[in-house]
Structures are given as C-alpha cells and as structure tokens.
C-alpha cells in the first residue's frame, strides 16, 4: 500500500489528507468518498486573500435580501450546466432541421429551432451575468 496525498481545493481554500491505497485511482475514489461523507472533517486553510479574486457581494437587510453582484467568471461557472443543456438542445434542433431538409419538410423543425434560440439567449444572458 502507498500513502498518497489528496489535495482538495475550492476557490479560496484548500485542504490535504493522506490516503492509503494500492493505486492513484483507488486513492481518488477514497478521497471523493471522504469529501462526500464528511468534508468538514478536513483541516481547511485559506489562500492569501490578496491572491483570490472577489467573486460575489451580497447585500441583505432586516426586511429582505438585496442585490447580488457576481464576477463574470462566477456567473459563467454557475451558468455552465444550463449552457451545456441548451447547447445540447440546439444541436438536436439543428440536426432536426437537417433531417427535415432532406425530406423536404422544414416547418416543424424550424419551430423547434425557434424555441431553442430563445432558450439559448436566456442561458447566454445568465452566463454574462444578466437577469433571466
């Protein structure tokens, strides 16, 4: 058995843990299990605050939550799953247009593509940090 060092990283913190395993892949499985089971058990350390860019500012008050500012990088990271889903839908819609073109019937495919364009614009606005 070998002792591997697993390094866990977030945007502003890091932690390490020694993992005993036969292979690096087994060490990764054990590290992921540790993170899923009890991530708070790790001894987290903060990076130098001056080296980590500001990602978000949230204003809250006694009556309601206020505005939230997010960096472009954070907005893009948070929007990534929706962007991927929308891109997948756009690829399907484009394929439907191509398939219908070959059969000479574009009307249904164009309607589907039109709906995907709207969804894509919403996802892109979110990725750019705009309102949905």
C-alpha atoms as a PDB file:
ATOM      1  CA  UNK A   1       0.000   0.000   0.000  1.00  0.00           C
ATOM      2  CA  UNK A   2       1.146   3.523  -0.772  1.00  0.00           C
ATOM      3  CA  UNK A   3       0.329   6.741   1.064  1.00  0.00           C
ATOM      4  CA  UNK A   4      -0.947   9.359  -1.385  1.00  0.00           C
ATOM      5  CA  UNK A   5      -1.672  12.981  -0.599  1.00  0.00           C
ATOM      6  CA  UNK A   6      -5.091  14.176  -1.705  1.00  0.00           C
ATOM      7  CA  UNK A   7      -5.289  17.939  -2.179  1.00  0.00           C
ATOM      8  CA  UNK A   8      -8.800  19.399  -2.027  1.00  0.00           C
ATOM      9  CA  UNK A   9      -9.291  22.901  -3.481  1.00  0.00           C
ATOM     10  CA  UNK A  10     -12.077  25.450  -3.560  1.00  0.00           C
ATOM     11  CA  UNK A  11     -11.865  28.967  -4.961  1.00  0.00           C
ATOM     12  CA  UNK A  12     -10.419  30.295  -1.691  1.00  0.00           C
ATOM     13  CA  UNK A  13      -9.450  27.335   0.499  1.00  0.00           C
ATOM     14  CA  UNK A  14      -7.510  24.108   0.358  1.00  0.00           C
ATOM     15  CA  UNK A  15      -7.002  21.018   2.490  1.00  0.00           C
ATOM     16  CA  UNK A  16      -4.933  17.866   2.318  1.00  0.00           C
ATOM     17  CA  UNK A  17      -5.425  14.325   3.537  1.00  0.00           C
ATOM     18  CA  UNK A  18      -3.170  11.292   3.488  1.00  0.00           C
ATOM     19  CA  UNK A  19      -4.884   8.405   1.697  1.00  0.00           C
ATOM     20  CA  UNK A  20      -3.553   4.853   1.870  1.00  0.00           C
ATOM     21  CA  UNK A  21      -4.331   2.964  -1.326  1.00  0.00           C
ATOM     22  CA  UNK A  22      -2.928   0.493  -3.837  1.00  0.00           C
ATOM     23  CA  UNK A  23      -3.225   2.840  -6.848  1.00  0.00           C
ATOM     24  CA  UNK A  24      -3.736   6.555  -7.523  1.00  0.00           C
ATOM     25  CA  UNK A  25      -7.196   5.722  -8.883  1.00  0.00           C
ATOM     26  CA  UNK A  26      -8.142   3.957  -5.652  1.00  0.00           C
ATOM     27  CA  UNK A  27      -6.802   6.960  -3.720  1.00  0.00           C
ATOM     28  CA  UNK A  28      -9.059   9.235  -5.822  1.00  0.00           C
ATOM     29  CA  UNK A  29     -12.107   7.079  -5.049  1.00  0.00           C
ATOM     30  CA  UNK A  30     -11.281   7.198  -1.335  1.00  0.00           C
ATOM     31  CA  UNK A  31     -10.708  10.971  -1.460  1.00  0.00           C
ATOM     32  CA  UNK A  32     -14.032  11.563  -3.210  1.00  0.00           C
ATOM     33  CA  UNK A  33     -15.787   9.337  -0.675  1.00  0.00           C
ATOM     34  CA  UNK A  34     -14.186  11.324   2.145  1.00  0.00           C
ATOM     35  CA  UNK A  35     -15.341  14.600   0.598  1.00  0.00           C
ATOM     36  CA  UNK A  36     -18.892  13.293   0.173  1.00  0.00           C
ATOM     37  CA  UNK A  37     -19.076  11.749   3.638  1.00  0.00           C
ATOM     38  CA  UNK A  38     -17.617  14.491   5.835  1.00  0.00           C
ATOM     39  CA  UNK A  39     -15.903  17.336   4.024  1.00  0.00           C
ATOM     40  CA  UNK A  40     -15.916  19.416   7.212  1.00  0.00           C
ATOM     41  CA  UNK A  41     -13.540  16.909   8.828  1.00  0.00           C
ATOM     42  CA  UNK A  42     -10.737  18.230   6.629  1.00  0.00           C
ATOM     43  CA  UNK A  43      -8.448  20.917   8.008  1.00  0.00           C
ATOM     44  CA  UNK A  44      -9.206  23.763   5.594  1.00  0.00           C
ATOM     45  CA  UNK A  45      -6.672  26.556   5.015  1.00  0.00           C
ATOM     46  CA  UNK A  46      -7.336  29.903   3.365  1.00  0.00           C
ATOM     47  CA  UNK A  47      -5.243  31.163   0.497  1.00  0.00           C
ATOM     48  CA  UNK A  48      -3.700  34.589   0.758  1.00  0.00           C
ATOM     49  CA  UNK A  49      -6.817  36.802   0.352  1.00  0.00           C
ATOM     50  CA  UNK A  50      -4.948  39.136  -1.978  1.00  0.00           C
ATOM     51  CA  UNK A  51      -4.357  36.269  -4.436  1.00  0.00           C
ATOM     52  CA  UNK A  52      -8.006  35.190  -4.739  1.00  0.00           C
ATOM     53  CA  UNK A  53     -10.259  37.396  -6.871  1.00  0.00           C
ATOM     54  CA  UNK A  54     -13.532  38.642  -5.434  1.00  0.00           C
ATOM     55  CA  UNK A  55     -16.405  36.566  -6.815  1.00  0.00           C
ATOM     56  CA  UNK A  56     -19.568  37.805  -5.133  1.00  0.00           C
ATOM     57  CA  UNK A  57     -21.048  40.537  -2.971  1.00  0.00           C
ATOM     58  CA  UNK A  58     -24.488  40.039  -1.454  1.00  0.00           C
ATOM     59  CA  UNK A  59     -26.474  42.686   0.414  1.00  0.00           C
ATOM     60  CA  UNK A  60     -29.033  41.562   2.966  1.00  0.00           C
ATOM     61  CA  UNK A  61     -31.073  43.564   5.428  1.00  0.00           C
ATOM     62  CA  UNK A  62     -33.753  43.216   8.042  1.00  0.00           C
ATOM     63  CA  UNK A  63     -36.647  43.422   5.586  1.00  0.00           C
ATOM     64  CA  UNK A  64     -35.464  41.454   2.565  1.00  0.00           C
ATOM     65  CA  UNK A  65     -32.477  40.252   0.678  1.00  0.00           C
ATOM     66  CA  UNK A  66     -30.905  42.896  -1.500  1.00  0.00           C
ATOM     67  CA  UNK A  67     -28.867  42.927  -4.675  1.00  0.00           C
ATOM     68  CA  UNK A  68     -26.151  40.431  -5.511  1.00  0.00           C
ATOM     69  CA  UNK A  69     -23.100  41.217  -7.619  1.00  0.00           C
ATOM     70  CA  UNK A  70     -21.141  38.377  -9.198  1.00  0.00           C
ATOM     71  CA  UNK A  71     -17.922  38.396 -11.179  1.00  0.00           C
ATOM     72  CA  UNK A  72     -18.175  37.434 -14.830  1.00  0.00           C
ATOM     73  CA  UNK A  73     -16.197  34.265 -14.062  1.00  0.00           C
ATOM     74  CA  UNK A  74     -18.611  33.165 -11.316  1.00  0.00           C
ATOM     75  CA  UNK A  75     -21.665  33.963 -13.449  1.00  0.00           C
ATOM     76  CA  UNK A  76     -20.237  31.844 -16.263  1.00  0.00           C
ATOM     77  CA  UNK A  77     -19.366  28.970 -13.915  1.00  0.00           C
ATOM     78  CA  UNK A  78     -22.868  28.988 -12.413  1.00  0.00           C
ATOM     79  CA  UNK A  79     -24.469  29.129 -15.863  1.00  0.00           C
ATOM     80  CA  UNK A  80     -22.355  26.307 -17.318  1.00  0.00           C
ATOM     81  CA  UNK A  81     -24.861  23.461 -16.694  1.00  0.00           C
ATOM     82  CA  UNK A  82     -27.699  25.410 -18.327  1.00  0.00           C
ATOM     83  CA  UNK A  83     -25.436  26.430 -21.213  1.00  0.00           C
ATOM     84  CA  UNK A  84     -24.457  22.806 -21.788  1.00  0.00           C
ATOM     85  CA  UNK A  85     -28.085  21.668 -21.701  1.00  0.00           C
ATOM     86  CA  UNK A  86     -29.084  24.434 -24.119  1.00  0.00           C
ATOM     87  CA  UNK A  87     -26.197  23.677 -26.468  1.00  0.00           C
ATOM     88  CA  UNK A  88     -27.227  20.015 -26.481  1.00  0.00           C
ATOM     89  CA  UNK A  89     -30.788  21.074 -27.366  1.00  0.00           C
ATOM     90  CA  UNK A  90     -29.524  23.382 -30.098  1.00  0.00           C
ATOM     91  CA  UNK A  91     -27.516  20.534 -31.610  1.00  0.00           C
ATOM     92  CA  UNK A  92     -30.635  18.328 -31.592  1.00  0.00           C
ATOM     93  CA  UNK A  93     -32.727  21.119 -33.157  1.00  0.00           C
ATOM     94  CA  UNK A  94     -30.103  21.751 -35.833  1.00  0.00           C
ATOM     95  CA  UNK A  95     -29.996  18.029 -36.626  1.00  0.00           C
ATOM     96  CA  UNK A  96     -33.795  18.008 -36.939  1.00  0.00           C
ATOM     97  CA  UNK A  97     -33.582  20.879 -39.451  1.00  0.00           C
ATOM     98  CA  UNK A  98     -31.015  18.960 -41.471  1.00  0.00           C
ATOM     99  CA  UNK A  99     -33.099  15.777 -41.350  1.00  0.00           C
ATOM    100  CA  UNK A 100     -36.262  17.667 -42.396  1.00  0.00           C
ATOM    101  CA  UNK A 101     -34.388  19.455 -45.175  1.00  0.00           C
ATOM    102  CA  UNK A 102     -33.545  16.085 -46.680  1.00  0.00           C
ATOM    103  CA  UNK A 103     -37.256  15.086 -46.533  1.00  0.00           C
ATOM    104  CA  UNK A 104     -38.439  18.482 -47.807  1.00  0.00           C
ATOM    105  CA  UNK A 105     -40.398  19.418 -44.634  1.00  0.00           C
ATOM    106  CA  UNK A 106     -38.795  22.260 -42.708  1.00  0.00           C
ATOM    107  CA  UNK A 107     -41.788  23.833 -40.929  1.00  0.00           C
ATOM    108  CA  UNK A 108     -41.818  21.656 -37.788  1.00  0.00           C
ATOM    109  CA  UNK A 109     -38.049  21.718 -37.387  1.00  0.00           C
ATOM    110  CA  UNK A 110     -37.914  25.499 -37.746  1.00  0.00           C
ATOM    111  CA  UNK A 111     -40.500  25.884 -34.945  1.00  0.00           C
ATOM    112  CA  UNK A 112     -38.366  23.698 -32.675  1.00  0.00           C
ATOM    113  CA  UNK A 113     -35.255  25.642 -33.586  1.00  0.00           C
ATOM    114  CA  UNK A 114     -37.041  28.930 -32.842  1.00  0.00           C
ATOM    115  CA  UNK A 115     -37.812  27.765 -29.288  1.00  0.00           C
ATOM    116  CA  UNK A 116     -34.206  26.698 -28.743  1.00  0.00           C
ATOM    117  CA  UNK A 117     -32.913  30.108 -29.859  1.00  0.00           C
ATOM    118  CA  UNK A 118     -34.985  31.762 -27.121  1.00  0.00           C
ATOM    119  CA  UNK A 119     -33.682  29.316 -24.500  1.00  0.00           C
ATOM    120  CA  UNK A 120     -30.129  29.885 -25.717  1.00  0.00           C
ATOM    121  CA  UNK A 121     -30.468  33.666 -25.387  1.00  0.00           C
ATOM    122  CA  UNK A 122     -31.691  33.297 -21.775  1.00  0.00           C
ATOM    123  CA  UNK A 123     -28.790  30.975 -20.910  1.00  0.00           C
ATOM    124  CA  UNK A 124     -26.287  33.309 -22.548  1.00  0.00           C
ATOM    125  CA  UNK A 125     -27.666  36.310 -20.625  1.00  0.00           C
ATOM    126  CA  UNK A 126     -27.237  34.375 -17.365  1.00  0.00           C
ATOM    127  CA  UNK A 127     -23.692  33.424 -18.313  1.00  0.00           C
ATOM    128  CA  UNK A 128     -22.906  37.078 -18.948  1.00  0.00           C
ATOM    129  CA  UNK A 129     -24.276  37.993 -15.527  1.00  0.00           C
ATOM    130  CA  UNK A 130     -27.560  39.418 -16.773  1.00  0.00           C
ATOM    131  CA  UNK A 131     -31.039  38.832 -15.475  1.00  0.00           C
ATOM    132  CA  UNK A 132     -33.028  35.900 -16.741  1.00  0.00           C
END
